[in-house]
Protein backbone atom coordinates (compact mmCIF):
# COMPACT_ATOMS: atom_id res chain seq x y z
CA MET A 1 39.90 -27.88 38.53
CA ASN A 2 42.19 -27.39 35.77
CA LEU A 3 41.03 -24.55 33.84
CA ASP A 4 41.68 -26.33 30.12
CA GLY A 5 39.70 -29.23 31.56
CA ALA A 6 36.62 -26.98 32.65
CA ILE A 7 36.64 -25.51 29.36
CA GLU A 8 36.63 -29.05 27.41
CA LYS A 9 33.72 -30.15 30.01
CA PHE A 10 31.67 -26.65 29.20
CA GLU A 11 32.01 -27.25 25.49
CA ARG A 12 30.84 -30.80 25.63
CA TYR A 13 28.12 -29.61 27.59
CA LEU A 14 27.05 -26.94 25.36
CA SER A 15 26.74 -29.31 22.52
CA ALA A 16 25.25 -32.38 24.06
CA GLU A 17 23.11 -30.78 26.48
CA ARG A 18 22.15 -27.31 25.27
CA GLY A 19 21.86 -28.25 21.27
CA LEU A 20 23.91 -24.90 20.26
CA SER A 21 25.11 -24.32 16.95
CA ALA A 22 28.68 -25.36 15.91
CA ASN A 23 29.24 -21.42 15.30
CA THR A 24 27.82 -20.83 18.64
CA ILE A 25 30.15 -22.98 20.74
CA ARG A 26 32.89 -21.92 18.98
CA ALA A 27 32.41 -18.39 19.85
CA TYR A 28 31.85 -19.26 23.42
CA VAL A 29 35.33 -21.29 23.42
CA THR A 30 37.04 -18.75 21.82
CA ASP A 31 36.38 -16.21 24.51
CA LEU A 32 37.09 -18.76 27.01
CA ALA A 33 40.47 -19.57 25.16
CA GLN A 34 41.26 -15.48 25.11
CA PHE A 35 40.48 -15.38 28.83
CA THR A 36 42.87 -18.24 29.33
CA ALA A 37 45.70 -17.04 27.39
CA TYR A 38 45.09 -13.53 29.59
CA LEU A 39 45.37 -15.40 32.48
CA GLU A 40 48.50 -17.22 31.63
CA SER A 41 50.10 -14.01 30.33
CA THR A 42 49.52 -12.04 33.74
CA SER A 43 50.66 -15.15 36.44
CA GLY A 44 52.79 -16.82 34.17
CA GLU A 45 50.73 -20.16 34.43
CA ILE A 46 47.24 -21.33 34.23
CA PRO A 47 45.26 -20.90 37.44
CA ASP A 48 42.83 -23.64 38.52
CA ALA A 49 38.92 -22.51 38.07
CA PRO A 50 38.18 -22.28 41.82
CA SER A 51 41.07 -19.71 42.14
CA ILE A 52 39.79 -17.19 39.58
CA THR A 53 38.18 -13.94 41.26
CA LEU A 54 36.35 -11.20 39.85
CA SER A 55 39.74 -9.31 39.77
CA ASP A 56 40.71 -11.60 37.27
CA VAL A 57 37.73 -11.05 35.15
CA ARG A 58 37.68 -7.46 35.51
CA GLY A 59 41.47 -7.47 34.10
CA PHE A 60 40.57 -9.68 31.08
CA LEU A 61 37.62 -7.09 29.96
CA ARG A 62 39.49 -3.86 30.66
CA GLN A 63 42.53 -5.10 28.32
CA GLN A 64 39.94 -6.29 25.47
CA ILE A 65 38.38 -2.73 26.01
CA LYS A 66 41.93 -1.29 25.62
CA ARG A 67 42.38 -3.42 22.45
CA GLY A 68 39.58 -1.60 20.97
CA LEU A 69 36.81 -4.29 21.04
CA ASN A 70 33.38 -3.09 19.95
CA ASP A 71 30.43 -3.01 22.32
CA SER A 72 28.72 -6.18 20.78
CA SER A 73 31.86 -8.38 21.21
CA MET A 74 32.45 -7.04 24.71
CA LEU A 75 28.63 -8.17 25.58
CA ARG A 76 29.35 -11.32 24.03
CA LYS A 77 32.61 -11.87 26.00
CA VAL A 78 30.62 -11.22 29.21
CA SER A 79 27.98 -13.54 28.45
CA SER A 80 30.22 -16.59 27.68
CA LEU A 81 32.09 -15.79 31.17
CA ARG A 82 28.81 -15.88 32.95
CA ALA A 83 27.64 -18.82 31.31
CA PHE A 84 31.03 -20.65 31.76
CA PHE A 85 31.11 -19.91 35.55
CA GLY A 86 27.42 -20.34 36.08
CA TYR A 87 28.00 -23.91 34.58
CA LEU A 88 31.01 -24.89 37.03
CA VAL A 89 28.84 -23.42 40.05
CA ASN A 90 25.79 -25.64 38.85
CA ARG A 91 28.11 -28.65 38.67
CA HIS A 92 29.59 -27.72 42.15
CA GLU A 93 33.03 -27.57 40.49
CA ILE A 94 33.70 -24.21 41.83
CA PRO A 95 32.27 -22.73 45.32
CA VAL A 96 31.68 -19.21 43.97
CA ASP A 97 30.79 -17.65 40.78
CA PRO A 98 33.18 -14.66 40.23
CA THR A 99 31.15 -13.03 37.58
CA LEU A 100 28.10 -12.58 40.12
CA HIS A 101 29.01 -9.20 41.02
CA LEU A 102 29.93 -8.24 37.58
CA SER A 103 28.26 -5.40 36.22
CA ARG A 104 26.58 -5.84 32.61
CA PRO A 105 28.65 -3.28 30.21
CA ARG A 106 26.23 -1.29 28.41
CA LYS A 107 25.94 -0.84 24.62
CA ARG A 108 26.50 2.64 23.67
CA SER A 109 24.22 4.29 21.75
CA ARG A 110 25.79 5.48 18.42
CA ILE A 111 24.81 8.58 16.44
CA PRO A 112 24.03 7.47 13.34
CA PRO A 113 25.92 9.23 10.07
CA VAL A 114 23.47 11.84 8.48
CA ILE A 115 23.43 12.34 4.72
CA SER A 116 22.93 16.25 4.00
CA GLU A 117 19.85 17.62 2.12
CA GLN A 118 22.54 18.80 -0.33
CA SER A 119 23.91 15.40 -0.98
CA ILE A 120 20.30 13.45 -1.13
CA LYS A 121 19.25 16.42 -3.67
CA GLU A 122 22.45 15.53 -5.83
CA MET A 123 21.69 12.11 -5.21
CA MET A 124 18.29 11.69 -6.75
CA ASN A 125 19.22 13.47 -9.67
CA ILE A 126 21.98 10.76 -10.91
CA PRO A 127 19.24 7.85 -12.08
CA GLU A 128 19.15 8.06 -15.60
CA ASP A 129 15.38 8.16 -17.49
CA SER A 130 16.89 6.08 -20.54
CA ASP A 131 15.77 2.87 -19.19
CA LEU A 132 13.35 1.26 -16.67
CA THR A 133 16.31 0.45 -14.38
CA GLY A 134 17.06 4.05 -13.93
CA TYR A 135 13.19 5.05 -13.19
CA ARG A 136 13.01 2.09 -10.79
CA ASP A 137 16.10 3.19 -8.77
CA ARG A 138 14.78 6.73 -8.50
CA ALA A 139 11.65 5.43 -7.13
CA ILE A 140 13.44 3.32 -4.60
CA LEU A 141 15.65 6.41 -3.69
CA GLU A 142 12.67 8.85 -3.39
CA PHE A 143 10.42 6.28 -1.54
CA LEU A 144 12.89 5.44 1.07
CA TYR A 145 13.62 8.91 1.67
CA GLY A 146 10.54 10.56 1.14
CA THR A 147 8.75 8.18 3.82
CA GLY A 148 11.44 6.84 6.12
CA VAL A 149 9.81 3.06 6.14
CA ARG A 150 12.12 0.21 6.98
CA LEU A 151 13.90 -2.08 3.68
CA SER A 152 11.96 -4.68 4.97
CA GLU A 153 8.64 -2.70 4.74
CA MET A 154 9.37 -1.44 1.86
CA VAL A 155 10.08 -4.84 -0.24
CA ALA A 156 6.84 -6.23 1.18
CA LEU A 157 4.59 -3.64 -0.58
CA ASN A 158 2.29 -4.82 -3.26
CA ILE A 159 0.83 -2.31 -5.90
CA SER A 160 -2.78 -2.76 -4.26
CA SER A 161 -1.41 -0.64 -1.09
CA PHE A 162 -0.75 2.36 -3.60
CA ILE A 163 -3.98 1.96 -5.16
CA GLU A 164 -6.05 2.17 -1.93
CA ALA A 165 -3.41 4.87 -0.47
CA GLY A 166 -4.56 8.13 -1.67
CA GLU A 167 -1.56 10.31 -0.18
CA VAL A 168 -1.24 8.11 3.04
CA LEU A 169 0.01 4.46 3.12
CA ARG A 170 -0.78 1.93 5.47
CA ILE A 171 2.33 0.09 6.28
CA LYS A 172 2.83 -2.95 8.24
CA GLY A 173 5.62 -2.81 10.34
CA LYS A 174 7.41 -4.78 13.27
CA GLY A 175 5.14 -7.27 15.08
CA ASN A 176 2.55 -6.68 12.45
CA LYS A 177 1.86 -3.21 13.57
CA GLU A 178 0.20 -1.23 11.26
CA ARG A 179 0.82 2.74 11.23
CA LEU A 180 -0.16 5.25 8.35
CA VAL A 181 2.70 7.31 6.66
CA PRO A 182 2.01 10.04 4.18
CA TRP A 183 3.15 9.82 0.92
CA SER A 184 3.13 12.49 -1.88
CA GLY A 185 5.36 14.80 -3.57
CA LYS A 186 8.53 13.75 -5.41
CA ALA A 187 8.55 10.17 -3.89
CA ARG A 188 5.00 9.83 -5.33
CA SER A 189 5.73 11.41 -8.69
CA ALA A 190 8.78 8.92 -8.97
CA PHE A 191 6.40 5.59 -8.03
CA PHE A 192 4.09 6.38 -11.01
CA GLU A 193 6.75 7.43 -13.40
CA TYR A 194 8.30 3.78 -12.57
CA GLN A 195 5.04 1.91 -13.25
CA ALA A 196 4.15 3.82 -16.55
CA LYS A 197 7.61 2.81 -17.79
CA ARG A 198 7.52 -0.73 -16.33
CA PHE A 199 3.73 -1.53 -17.73
CA GLY A 200 4.18 0.72 -20.85
CA LEU A 201 1.48 3.04 -19.47
CA GLY A 202 0.91 6.75 -20.54
CA LYS A 203 2.30 9.77 -18.50
CA ASN A 204 -0.52 10.33 -16.87
CA THR A 205 -0.41 7.06 -14.85
CA ASP A 206 -2.31 7.30 -11.44
CA GLU A 207 -3.76 4.61 -8.81
CA ASN A 208 -6.76 3.98 -11.60
CA SER A 209 -4.38 2.90 -14.30
CA LEU A 210 -2.80 0.20 -12.26
CA GLY A 211 -5.98 -1.86 -11.27
CA LYS A 212 -4.99 -5.01 -13.22
CA TYR A 213 -1.51 -4.92 -11.54
CA ALA A 214 -2.84 -4.85 -8.04
CA ALA A 215 -1.10 -8.21 -7.01
CA TYR A 216 2.38 -7.10 -8.50
CA PRO A 217 5.09 -6.40 -6.18
CA ALA A 218 5.47 -2.71 -5.78
CA PHE A 219 8.78 -2.65 -6.47
CA SER A 220 10.58 -5.62 -8.81
CA ALA A 221 13.69 -6.72 -10.22
CA GLY A 222 12.09 -7.16 -13.59
CA HIS A 223 8.24 -7.07 -14.31
CA ARG A 224 6.47 -9.56 -11.57
CA ARG A 225 9.38 -10.77 -9.68
CA ARG A 226 9.85 -9.19 -6.25
CA ILE A 227 12.82 -7.38 -5.55
CA SER A 228 15.31 -8.69 -2.99
CA PRO A 229 16.43 -6.69 0.29
CA ARG A 230 19.96 -6.97 -0.99
CA THR A 231 19.29 -5.53 -4.63
CA VAL A 232 18.19 -2.50 -2.73
CA GLN A 233 20.96 -2.60 -0.46
CA ARG A 234 23.15 -2.32 -3.60
CA ILE A 235 21.00 0.22 -5.42
CA VAL A 236 21.22 2.70 -2.36
CA GLU A 237 24.92 2.08 -1.84
CA LYS A 238 25.92 2.58 -5.57
CA TYR A 239 23.99 6.05 -5.62
CA LEU A 240 24.89 7.24 -1.92
CA ARG A 241 28.90 6.21 -2.59
CA ARG A 242 28.65 9.32 -5.53
CA VAL A 243 27.27 12.14 -3.11
CA SER A 244 28.32 11.09 0.52
CA MET A 245 31.56 9.94 2.73
CA ALA A 246 29.41 8.72 5.16
CA THR A 247 30.60 5.51 6.84
CA SER A 248 27.27 3.62 6.29
CA GLN A 249 25.64 4.17 3.16
CA SER A 250 22.48 1.65 3.22
CA PRO A 251 19.01 2.11 2.86
CA HIS A 252 18.78 2.75 6.97
CA SER A 253 20.99 5.68 6.19
CA LEU A 254 18.05 7.31 4.10
CA ARG A 255 15.88 6.27 7.11
CA HIS A 256 18.13 8.32 9.36
CA ALA A 257 18.14 11.01 6.85
CA PHE A 258 14.36 11.26 6.81
CA ALA A 259 13.89 11.65 10.51
CA THR A 260 17.04 14.29 10.89
CA HIS A 261 15.83 16.25 8.47
CA LEU A 262 12.27 16.54 9.76
CA LEU A 263 13.56 17.54 13.22
CA ASP A 264 15.68 20.05 11.32
CA ASN A 265 13.05 21.81 9.89
CA GLY A 266 11.04 21.90 12.95
CA ALA A 267 8.89 18.48 13.00
CA ASP A 268 7.53 17.23 16.26
CA LEU A 269 9.39 14.51 18.08
CA ARG A 270 6.44 12.61 18.38
CA ALA A 271 5.15 13.06 15.09
CA VAL A 272 8.51 11.62 13.96
CA GLN A 273 8.15 8.51 16.25
CA GLU A 274 4.78 7.78 14.63
CA LEU A 275 6.18 8.08 11.05
CA LEU A 276 9.16 5.82 11.89
CA GLY A 277 6.99 3.22 13.93
CA HIS A 278 9.06 3.26 16.68
CA GLU A 279 7.57 1.97 20.07
CA SER A 280 9.81 4.01 22.62
CA LEU A 281 10.18 7.99 22.24
CA SER A 282 13.73 7.29 23.75
CA THR A 283 14.51 5.00 20.25
CA THR A 284 13.75 8.24 18.27
CA GLN A 285 15.37 10.92 20.53
CA ILE A 286 18.75 9.94 18.82
CA TYR A 287 17.92 11.96 16.27
CA THR A 288 17.83 15.10 18.30
CA HIS A 289 21.30 14.18 19.34
CA VAL A 290 22.16 14.70 15.54
CA SER A 291 20.07 17.84 15.09
CA ALA A 292 21.84 19.50 18.36
CA LYS A 293 24.81 18.82 17.21
CA ARG A 294 24.63 20.34 13.75
CA LEU A 295 22.84 23.45 15.36
CA LYS A 296 26.05 23.52 17.83
CA ASP A 297 28.47 23.59 14.62
CA ILE A 298 26.43 26.15 13.09
CA TYR A 299 26.29 28.52 16.22
CA ARG A 300 30.31 28.04 16.63
CA LYS A 301 30.85 28.99 12.86
CA THR A 302 28.49 31.99 12.55
CA HIS A 303 28.06 33.70 15.80
CA PRO A 304 30.85 36.31 16.32
CA ARG A 305 31.48 35.70 20.06
CA SER A 306 30.98 31.75 20.21
């Protein structure tokens, strides 16, 4: 069977029988078109589908790696090829699936960029105390860094969560699983200063002062409207850009900094796992790589015989 004709049939199958979205189908077809172009460039013609081998597939993937394709894109191309040749085998268009013994590429763990403790300190001094926006922005920055919670977890909180908390917040994370997160110090102070400014309360605002506002969102775009995740992303990016050259300047960067700085200062890995709400310890271990790298850098710079 002609390869171009096989791809056309596969495209109709994805639409009519699998009911996939137009964007997903386009991604499959784009990957297969690139594969076809590779085969034509190496052999001078487009081969028939039954003649394609595992070596052809591997050659195409090696070419994509040399071009600098990232891990996610490589995984998608492998999935596209597997789906296509699996379809052809099931329809008896080819006798053997050339991707059958193709090993699945592993997505490499990337060490997240780390915002230094000094940069965090500088960032917290930037929001101005002249208006409500400045108080809110500082409260958001202090809370994300001070607790390590996810953006979605923070946005979902109501004031009632803080009234009931004392110095330990109950956070509802992924899969509706709850965890306890300590909450004190500068994050706590900034939060109550923000609420005092927001509702026109006194300097001694605390949990007891906020009872009538329990149903309000903890962080808002005004007085009552819940702040959106995108707005928080813009706030964090705005301030991080002024103190750090890190490629990632997002709320998750503050979560990374929270975990890394705890480990740098002697925190137990399992305790950090609990604070972050990670199911697996291996997810948390990436932060030990960051800390170990920093220790090696310090050693090389300071030891006389390193």
